[in-house]
């Protein structure tokens, strides 16, 4: 019986010893190893004015790279660091602040195991703003022109119509954000291009001043023959009287003057059917008018009256040309109110013109006026010119064709 109690006591002590040993093991196994923070910087954000940039973090190389715009002021960057709770920022002292990133900046941070250093660098995407001028629009004389910008050669070309007054040309310039306009200083300015047709446009592309050469041109005018089929008679009350066809001096059909047929030489009578158009004065001295409707408003460049006779008979040696240089129709009574004298022709035997070209009145571009209706006033014939004013045919005037050229 004593042995039984002895065995029981020994078993109890053994059990207690095993329990104690298990508790010790359990306490050891609950200890968690301390691991370093593998990514001690979660993010870095930099801001300058309204631009925000995110840093690219490389934990292996311990670098943070920022790529900023050409206009960014690297000396005044507002930076915000985002770090885990388990990491401790050593340097700089605050995760927020204004940094000078013109040079690399080091960030020292403790990742529990040790202090680690990250290097922050900033690089501009470009040193300057390319194509700094977005557009240039000009307005003058009711016309709008858009500039043709050549960023390679730094030129801007503007072209206006031939009749536009450029003395007050309004320029509206649009530049890219952060580009500064140096000359002119205002985005909208008024210039006089009536004489000088060039102007420098200077902008600063954040790195340097860049000069664009603005060149203003006007469409070159070309003298173009007006299609004779667009011409027609516009009869006014005091226009020339017809000539009795039985006199054999010519036809009274006005269509003869605008049929596109004229003589190429003094003997080329067959080209016009062996007959000119003939008319006579209406009783008023120096008033033998023939009126033409050109069918549209146009700037007259040249008028040519083709003759039938050459230094003989009823050849017209003097005539005036008028234009109705305003809107609407001229008065039917034939009043010259509203009519403008465009030119006069005087035949000079000492310097005769090319017969095929006709007797011409040429108007320079600068003096050209716009009109739709034109009046030819025949004032003298060869009879009068050669000293025979009393001849019964002295007041009869003949032509074979009227031709008009316009500036286009």
Protein backbone atom coordinates (compact mmCIF):
# COMPACT_ATOMS: atom_id res chain seq x y z
CA UNK A 1 0.00 0.00 0.00
CA UNK A 2 2.87 2.38 0.79
CA UNK A 3 4.31 1.65 -2.64
CA UNK A 4 1.05 2.61 -4.24
CA UNK A 5 1.04 6.00 -2.49
CA UNK A 6 4.67 6.54 -3.42
CA UNK A 7 3.97 5.93 -7.08
CA UNK A 8 1.03 8.32 -6.95
CA UNK A 9 3.15 11.09 -5.46
CA UNK A 10 5.86 10.61 -8.09
CA UNK A 11 3.31 10.70 -10.89
CA UNK A 12 1.87 13.93 -9.54
CA UNK A 13 5.30 15.62 -9.50
CA UNK A 14 6.01 14.38 -13.00
CA UNK A 15 2.76 15.79 -14.25
CA UNK A 16 3.45 19.16 -12.66
CA UNK A 17 6.91 19.20 -14.19
CA UNK A 18 5.49 18.56 -17.69
CA UNK A 19 2.87 21.26 -17.29
CA UNK A 20 5.52 23.77 -16.29
CA UNK A 21 7.62 22.87 -19.29
CA UNK A 22 4.61 23.34 -21.70
CA UNK A 23 3.83 26.77 -20.27
CA UNK A 24 7.40 27.90 -20.88
CA UNK A 25 7.28 26.72 -24.45
CA UNK A 26 3.95 28.49 -24.99
CA UNK A 27 5.37 31.77 -23.72
CA UNK A 28 8.34 31.57 -26.11
CA UNK A 29 6.18 30.84 -29.15
CA UNK A 30 3.99 33.99 -28.69
CA UNK A 31 6.95 36.37 -29.15
CA UNK A 32 6.61 38.18 -32.64
CA UNK A 33 9.86 39.05 -34.46
CA UNK A 34 10.37 42.82 -35.24
CA UNK A 35 10.49 43.34 -39.08
CA UNK A 36 11.72 46.59 -40.77
CA UNK A 37 9.31 48.76 -42.80
CA UNK A 38 10.02 47.73 -46.38
CA UNK A 39 8.39 50.82 -47.96
CA UNK A 40 9.14 53.66 -45.54
CA UNK A 41 7.80 56.30 -47.95
CA UNK A 42 4.33 55.73 -49.35
CA UNK A 43 4.22 58.81 -51.60
CA UNK A 44 5.76 62.21 -52.26
CA UNK A 45 3.69 65.00 -53.80
CA UNK A 46 5.09 68.32 -54.96
CA UNK A 47 3.11 71.40 -55.93
CA UNK A 48 4.08 74.71 -57.55
CA UNK A 49 1.31 77.23 -58.14
CA UNK A 50 -1.55 75.16 -59.62
CA UNK A 51 0.58 72.27 -60.89
CA UNK A 52 0.80 69.03 -58.87
CA UNK A 53 3.45 66.36 -59.46
CA UNK A 54 3.75 62.82 -58.06
CA UNK A 55 7.18 61.47 -57.30
CA UNK A 56 8.25 58.09 -58.70
CA UNK A 57 9.67 56.06 -55.79
CA UNK A 58 12.31 53.37 -56.31
CA UNK A 59 12.78 51.49 -52.98
CA UNK A 60 15.65 49.42 -54.33
CA UNK A 61 17.72 52.43 -55.42
CA UNK A 62 16.35 54.65 -52.64
CA UNK A 63 15.41 57.41 -55.10
CA UNK A 64 12.39 59.60 -55.72
CA UNK A 65 12.16 61.30 -59.10
CA UNK A 66 9.94 64.23 -60.04
CA UNK A 67 9.25 65.32 -63.61
CA UNK A 68 7.94 68.89 -63.79
CA UNK A 69 6.92 71.40 -66.45
CA UNK A 70 9.21 73.86 -68.20
CA UNK A 71 7.74 76.79 -66.28
CA UNK A 72 7.97 75.20 -62.82
CA UNK A 73 9.92 77.15 -60.22
CA UNK A 74 12.04 74.42 -58.63
CA UNK A 75 13.26 76.73 -55.91
CA UNK A 76 9.82 77.06 -54.38
CA UNK A 77 8.17 73.61 -54.32
CA UNK A 78 5.57 72.71 -51.71
CA UNK A 79 6.25 69.08 -50.78
CA UNK A 80 4.14 66.58 -48.86
CA UNK A 81 5.53 63.23 -47.63
CA UNK A 82 3.27 60.31 -46.78
CA UNK A 83 5.02 57.74 -44.51
CA UNK A 84 3.75 54.65 -42.65
CA UNK A 85 2.99 54.86 -38.91
CA UNK A 86 5.78 52.42 -38.08
CA UNK A 87 8.41 54.56 -39.82
CA UNK A 88 9.97 57.65 -38.27
CA UNK A 89 10.98 60.72 -40.27
CA UNK A 90 14.44 61.89 -39.24
CA UNK A 91 15.18 64.58 -41.84
CA UNK A 92 13.58 66.89 -42.71
CA UNK A 93 11.81 67.37 -39.45
CA UNK A 94 8.35 67.76 -41.00
CA UNK A 95 6.62 65.78 -43.79
CA UNK A 96 5.33 69.06 -45.21
CA UNK A 97 7.31 72.08 -46.28
CA UNK A 98 8.70 74.29 -49.03
CA UNK A 99 11.78 72.80 -50.64
CA UNK A 100 14.41 74.04 -53.05
CA UNK A 101 14.68 71.26 -55.62
CA UNK A 102 17.16 72.95 -57.89
CA UNK A 103 19.58 70.51 -56.22
CA UNK A 104 18.99 66.92 -54.93
CA UNK A 105 17.43 66.72 -51.47
CA UNK A 106 17.98 63.79 -49.05
CA UNK A 107 15.23 62.28 -46.92
CA UNK A 108 16.37 60.27 -43.88
CA UNK A 109 13.81 57.91 -42.37
CA UNK A 110 14.01 55.14 -39.77
CA UNK A 111 12.43 51.89 -40.88
CA UNK A 112 12.62 50.33 -37.35
CA UNK A 113 15.75 48.42 -38.22
CA UNK A 114 17.92 51.35 -39.27
CA UNK A 115 18.03 54.81 -40.80
CA UNK A 116 17.71 54.84 -44.61
CA UNK A 117 18.28 57.72 -47.02
CA UNK A 118 16.21 58.51 -50.13
CA UNK A 119 17.42 61.10 -52.66
CA UNK A 120 14.81 63.36 -54.27
CA UNK A 121 15.59 64.88 -57.68
CA UNK A 122 13.48 67.03 -59.99
CA UNK A 123 13.83 67.29 -63.76
CA UNK A 124 11.99 69.53 -66.18
CA UNK A 125 10.22 67.88 -69.11
CA UNK A 126 11.59 70.66 -71.32
CA UNK A 127 13.71 73.72 -70.82
CA UNK A 128 11.21 75.97 -72.62
CA UNK A 129 7.64 76.00 -73.92
CA UNK A 130 7.49 74.92 -77.54
CA UNK A 131 5.25 76.75 -80.03
CA UNK A 132 4.49 79.52 -77.52
CA UNK A 133 2.03 81.44 -79.73
CA UNK A 134 -1.30 79.67 -80.18
CA UNK A 135 -2.94 82.08 -82.63
CA UNK A 136 -2.95 85.60 -84.02
CA UNK A 137 -6.13 87.08 -85.49
CA UNK A 138 -6.28 90.48 -87.16
CA UNK A 139 -9.24 92.69 -88.07
CA UNK A 140 -9.15 95.67 -90.41
CA UNK A 141 -11.74 97.45 -92.51
CA UNK A 142 -14.43 94.90 -91.65
CA UNK A 143 -12.26 91.98 -92.77
CA UNK A 144 -10.77 89.28 -90.51
CA UNK A 145 -7.50 87.47 -91.24
CA UNK A 146 -5.97 84.56 -89.31
CA UNK A 147 -2.20 84.45 -89.03
CA UNK A 148 -0.24 81.60 -90.57
CA UNK A 149 2.28 80.75 -87.84
CA UNK A 150 5.61 79.08 -88.69
CA UNK A 151 7.22 78.07 -85.39
CA UNK A 152 10.34 76.76 -87.11
CA UNK A 153 11.23 80.01 -88.85
CA UNK A 154 9.47 82.21 -86.27
CA UNK A 155 7.25 83.99 -88.79
CA UNK A 156 3.57 84.94 -88.87
CA UNK A 157 1.89 85.80 -92.16
CA UNK A 158 -1.32 87.80 -92.54
CA UNK A 159 -3.08 88.48 -95.82
CA UNK A 160 -5.92 90.91 -96.43
CA UNK A 161 -7.99 91.79 -99.45
CA UNK A 162 -6.63 94.41 -101.86
CA UNK A 163 -8.96 97.20 -100.78
CA UNK A 164 -8.71 96.91 -97.00
CA UNK A 165 -7.54 99.99 -95.08
CA UNK A 166 -4.78 98.71 -92.79
CA UNK A 167 -4.23 101.96 -90.87
CA UNK A 168 -6.16 100.60 -87.87
CA UNK A 169 -5.52 96.88 -87.68
CA UNK A 170 -6.51 95.16 -84.44
CA UNK A 171 -4.30 92.23 -83.45
CA UNK A 172 -5.54 89.61 -80.97
CA UNK A 173 -2.78 87.29 -79.77
CA UNK A 174 -3.25 84.03 -77.86
CA UNK A 175 -0.25 82.45 -76.14
CA UNK A 176 0.18 79.24 -74.20
CA UNK A 177 -0.19 79.28 -70.40
CA UNK A 178 2.90 80.62 -68.61
CA UNK A 179 4.18 82.28 -71.81
CA UNK A 180 4.70 85.99 -71.34
CA UNK A 181 3.93 88.50 -74.07
CA UNK A 182 6.82 90.97 -74.21
CA UNK A 183 6.02 93.14 -77.26
CA UNK A 184 3.29 94.13 -77.59
CA UNK A 185 2.53 93.79 -73.90
CA UNK A 186 -1.25 93.53 -74.38
CA UNK A 187 -3.00 90.54 -75.92
CA UNK A 188 -5.05 92.96 -78.03
CA UNK A 189 -3.43 95.93 -79.72
CA UNK A 190 -4.03 98.27 -82.67
CA UNK A 191 -1.33 98.72 -85.33
CA UNK A 192 -0.92 100.78 -88.48
CA UNK A 193 0.15 98.61 -91.43
CA UNK A 194 -0.75 101.11 -94.15
CA UNK A 195 2.93 101.86 -94.78
CA UNK A 196 5.11 99.45 -92.80
CA UNK A 197 3.93 95.89 -93.33
CA UNK A 198 6.05 94.15 -90.70
CA UNK A 199 6.12 94.03 -86.91
CA UNK A 200 8.07 91.95 -84.35
CA UNK A 201 5.99 89.88 -81.92
CA UNK A 202 8.15 89.01 -78.90
CA UNK A 203 7.24 86.36 -76.31
CA UNK A 204 9.12 84.76 -73.44
CA UNK A 205 9.00 80.95 -73.44
CA UNK A 206 10.10 80.80 -69.73
CA UNK A 207 13.71 80.35 -70.79
CA UNK A 208 14.30 83.21 -73.23
CA UNK A 209 12.69 85.87 -75.39
CA UNK A 210 11.61 84.63 -78.82
CA UNK A 211 10.87 87.01 -81.71
CA UNK A 212 8.33 86.19 -84.41
CA UNK A 213 8.37 88.37 -87.52
CA UNK A 214 4.82 89.38 -88.46
CA UNK A 215 4.43 90.13 -92.18
CA UNK A 216 1.21 91.68 -93.52
CA UNK A 217 0.37 91.40 -97.21
CA UNK A 218 -2.60 92.24 -99.39
CA UNK A 219 -3.85 90.14 -102.27
CA UNK A 220 -2.15 91.18 -105.48
CA UNK A 221 -4.69 92.61 -107.88
CA UNK A 222 -4.93 91.22 -111.40
CA UNK A 223 -6.58 93.09 -114.23
CA UNK A 224 -9.12 90.67 -115.71
CA UNK A 225 -11.25 91.14 -118.82
CA UNK A 226 -14.96 91.26 -118.01
CA UNK A 227 -17.06 88.73 -119.91
CA UNK A 228 -18.91 90.73 -122.58
CA UNK A 229 -22.03 88.60 -122.12
CA UNK A 230 -22.56 90.17 -118.68
CA UNK A 231 -22.80 93.66 -120.19
CA UNK A 232 -26.02 95.30 -121.32
CA UNK A 233 -27.42 98.71 -122.19
CA UNK A 234 -28.85 100.80 -119.36
CA UNK A 235 -30.79 103.48 -121.23
CA UNK A 236 -31.10 106.86 -119.54
CA UNK A 237 -33.31 109.72 -120.69
CA UNK A 238 -30.52 111.96 -121.97
CA UNK A 239 -28.43 109.26 -123.64
CA UNK A 240 -27.33 109.70 -127.26
CA UNK A 241 -29.85 109.81 -130.07
CA UNK A 242 -29.94 107.17 -132.74
CA UNK A 243 -28.73 107.85 -136.28
CA UNK A 244 -30.95 107.38 -139.27
CA UNK A 245 -29.81 104.06 -140.74
CA UNK A 246 -30.48 105.38 -144.25
CA UNK A 247 -27.44 107.63 -143.88
CA UNK A 248 -25.17 104.62 -144.03
CA UNK A 249 -23.06 105.68 -141.03
CA UNK A 250 -23.62 102.57 -138.96
CA UNK A 251 -26.08 100.51 -136.96
CA UNK A 252 -28.05 101.83 -133.99
CA UNK A 253 -28.25 98.45 -132.25
CA UNK A 254 -26.51 98.89 -128.86
CA UNK A 255 -25.74 95.14 -128.81
CA UNK A 256 -23.08 95.91 -131.43
CA UNK A 257 -20.99 97.54 -128.68
CA UNK A 258 -20.97 94.49 -126.40
CA UNK A 259 -20.84 91.49 -128.74
CA UNK A 260 -17.13 90.79 -128.22
CA UNK A 261 -16.16 91.71 -131.82
CA UNK A 262 -13.64 94.37 -132.75
CA UNK A 263 -11.11 95.13 -135.46
CA UNK A 264 -7.49 94.05 -135.14
CA UNK A 265 -6.28 96.54 -137.76
CA UNK A 266 -7.61 99.64 -139.54
CA UNK A 267 -8.65 97.58 -142.56
CA UNK A 268 -10.22 94.67 -140.68
CA UNK A 269 -13.78 95.79 -141.40
CA UNK A 270 -15.06 92.30 -141.93
CA UNK A 271 -14.43 91.42 -138.26
CA UNK A 272 -17.31 93.72 -137.31
CA UNK A 273 -19.62 93.06 -140.23
CA UNK A 274 -18.53 96.11 -142.22
CA UNK A 275 -20.44 98.45 -139.97
CA UNK A 276 -19.86 100.28 -136.64
CA UNK A 277 -22.33 101.38 -134.01
CA UNK A 278 -23.36 104.99 -134.64
CA UNK A 279 -25.05 107.61 -132.46
CA UNK A 280 -25.37 111.38 -132.31
CA UNK A 281 -25.66 114.07 -129.71
CA UNK A 282 -29.05 114.75 -128.20
CA UNK A 283 -29.04 118.50 -128.69
CA UNK A 284 -26.77 119.37 -125.76
CA UNK A 285 -23.19 120.28 -126.60
CA UNK A 286 -20.60 117.81 -125.36
CA UNK A 287 -23.31 115.44 -124.20
CA UNK A 288 -23.47 112.21 -126.16
CA UNK A 289 -23.86 109.57 -123.47
CA UNK A 290 -23.95 105.80 -123.77
CA UNK A 291 -24.69 103.92 -120.51
CA UNK A 292 -23.65 100.34 -119.73
CA UNK A 293 -24.75 98.03 -116.93
CA UNK A 294 -21.83 95.73 -116.03
CA UNK A 295 -24.13 93.39 -114.12
CA UNK A 296 -22.22 93.67 -110.82
CA UNK A 297 -20.19 96.04 -108.70
CA UNK A 298 -16.54 95.91 -109.71
CA UNK A 299 -13.30 97.85 -109.42
CA UNK A 300 -12.59 99.08 -112.93
CA UNK A 301 -9.00 98.62 -114.07
CA UNK A 302 -9.28 99.58 -117.72
CA UNK A 303 -11.84 100.61 -120.33
CA UNK A 304 -11.27 100.29 -124.06
CA UNK A 305 -13.37 101.87 -126.83
CA UNK A 306 -12.62 100.29 -130.22
CA UNK A 307 -12.90 102.45 -133.28
CA UNK A 308 -14.04 101.72 -136.81
CA UNK A 309 -12.37 104.59 -138.61
CA UNK A 310 -8.69 105.40 -138.22
CA UNK A 311 -7.92 109.13 -138.38
CA UNK A 312 -10.95 109.67 -140.54
CA UNK A 313 -14.64 110.51 -140.55
CA UNK A 314 -16.57 109.74 -137.35
CA UNK A 315 -13.68 108.33 -135.29
CA UNK A 316 -14.16 109.49 -131.69
CA UNK A 317 -11.10 111.46 -130.65
CA UNK A 318 -12.28 112.59 -127.20
CA UNK A 319 -14.48 110.92 -124.64
CA UNK A 320 -15.01 110.79 -120.88
CA UNK A 321 -15.81 107.77 -118.74
CA UNK A 322 -18.03 108.01 -115.63
CA UNK A 323 -18.86 105.43 -112.97
CA UNK A 324 -21.87 105.36 -110.65
CA UNK A 325 -19.80 104.67 -107.52
CA UNK A 326 -22.57 104.02 -105.03
CA UNK A 327 -25.24 101.48 -104.24
CA UNK A 328 -28.56 101.42 -106.06
CA UNK A 329 -29.47 102.53 -109.55
CA UNK A 330 -28.71 105.91 -111.12
CA UNK A 331 -31.50 108.36 -111.80
CA UNK A 332 -33.34 107.64 -115.05
CA UNK A 333 -33.32 111.30 -116.03
CA UNK A 334 -29.59 111.04 -116.71
CA UNK A 335 -28.48 113.51 -114.06
CA UNK A 336 -24.79 113.21 -113.27
CA UNK A 337 -25.50 113.44 -109.55
CA UNK A 338 -23.75 110.48 -107.94
CA UNK A 339 -21.56 109.83 -110.99
CA UNK A 340 -17.76 110.04 -110.74
CA UNK A 341 -15.45 110.95 -113.59
CA UNK A 342 -13.06 107.98 -113.86
CA UNK A 343 -10.95 109.20 -116.74
CA UNK A 344 -10.73 110.98 -120.07
CA UNK A 345 -9.31 110.00 -123.45
CA UNK A 346 -7.74 112.36 -126.00
CA UNK A 347 -6.46 111.02 -129.27
CA UNK A 348 -2.91 112.06 -130.10
CA UNK A 349 -1.86 111.47 -133.73
CA UNK A 350 1.80 111.88 -132.75
CA UNK A 351 1.66 108.83 -130.47
CA UNK A 352 -1.14 106.61 -131.74
CA UNK A 353 -2.09 103.60 -129.67
CA UNK A 354 -2.17 100.01 -130.83
CA UNK A 355 -5.29 99.88 -133.00
CA UNK A 356 -6.22 96.38 -131.83
CA UNK A 357 -6.10 97.47 -128.20
CA UNK A 358 -8.55 100.28 -128.76
CA UNK A 359 -8.56 103.71 -127.15
CA UNK A 360 -7.98 103.01 -123.47
CA UNK A 361 -8.51 104.65 -120.12
CA UNK A 362 -6.41 102.88 -117.48
CA UNK A 363 -7.04 103.33 -113.77
CA UNK A 364 -4.28 102.67 -111.26
CA UNK A 365 -5.04 100.34 -108.37
CA UNK A 366 -4.77 103.12 -105.83
CA UNK A 367 -7.39 105.21 -107.65
CA UNK A 368 -9.73 102.37 -108.62
CA UNK A 369 -13.36 102.84 -107.62
CA UNK A 370 -16.18 100.38 -107.40
CA UNK A 371 -19.17 100.79 -109.69
CA UNK A 372 -21.72 98.78 -111.64
CA UNK A 373 -23.00 101.40 -114.08
CA UNK A 374 -20.71 103.23 -116.53
CA UNK A 375 -21.31 106.15 -118.94
CA UNK A 376 -19.25 107.01 -121.98
CA UNK A 377 -19.59 110.60 -123.11
CA UNK A 378 -18.38 111.09 -126.70
CA UNK A 379 -17.16 114.68 -127.08
CA UNK A 380 -15.26 115.01 -130.35
CA UNK A 381 -14.82 113.30 -133.72
CA UNK A 382 -12.05 113.34 -136.29
CA UNK A 383 -13.97 115.97 -138.25
CA UNK A 384 -13.66 118.42 -135.38
CA UNK A 385 -10.16 117.30 -134.50
CA UNK A 386 -8.92 117.79 -138.06
CA UNK A 387 -10.58 121.19 -138.48
CA UNK A 388 -13.92 120.40 -140.10
CA UNK A 389 -16.41 121.12 -137.31
CA UNK A 390 -19.10 122.22 -139.72
CA UNK A 391 -19.31 118.91 -141.54
CA UNK A 392 -22.82 117.47 -141.12
CA UNK A 393 -21.25 114.27 -139.71
CA UNK A 394 -19.16 116.08 -137.08
CA UNK A 395 -21.71 115.24 -134.36
CA UNK A 396 -22.01 111.57 -135.27
CA UNK A 397 -19.93 109.20 -133.14
CA UNK A 398 -18.99 105.62 -134.04
CA UNK A 399 -17.52 102.70 -132.08
CA UNK A 400 -17.27 98.97 -132.70
CA UNK A 401 -16.86 97.62 -129.16
CA UNK A 402 -16.68 98.56 -125.47
CA UNK A 403 -14.46 96.38 -123.30
CA UNK A 404 -14.01 96.49 -119.53
CA UNK A 405 -11.32 95.06 -117.26
CA UNK A 406 -11.72 94.72 -113.51
CA UNK A 407 -9.27 94.33 -110.63
CA UNK A 408 -9.67 90.90 -109.04
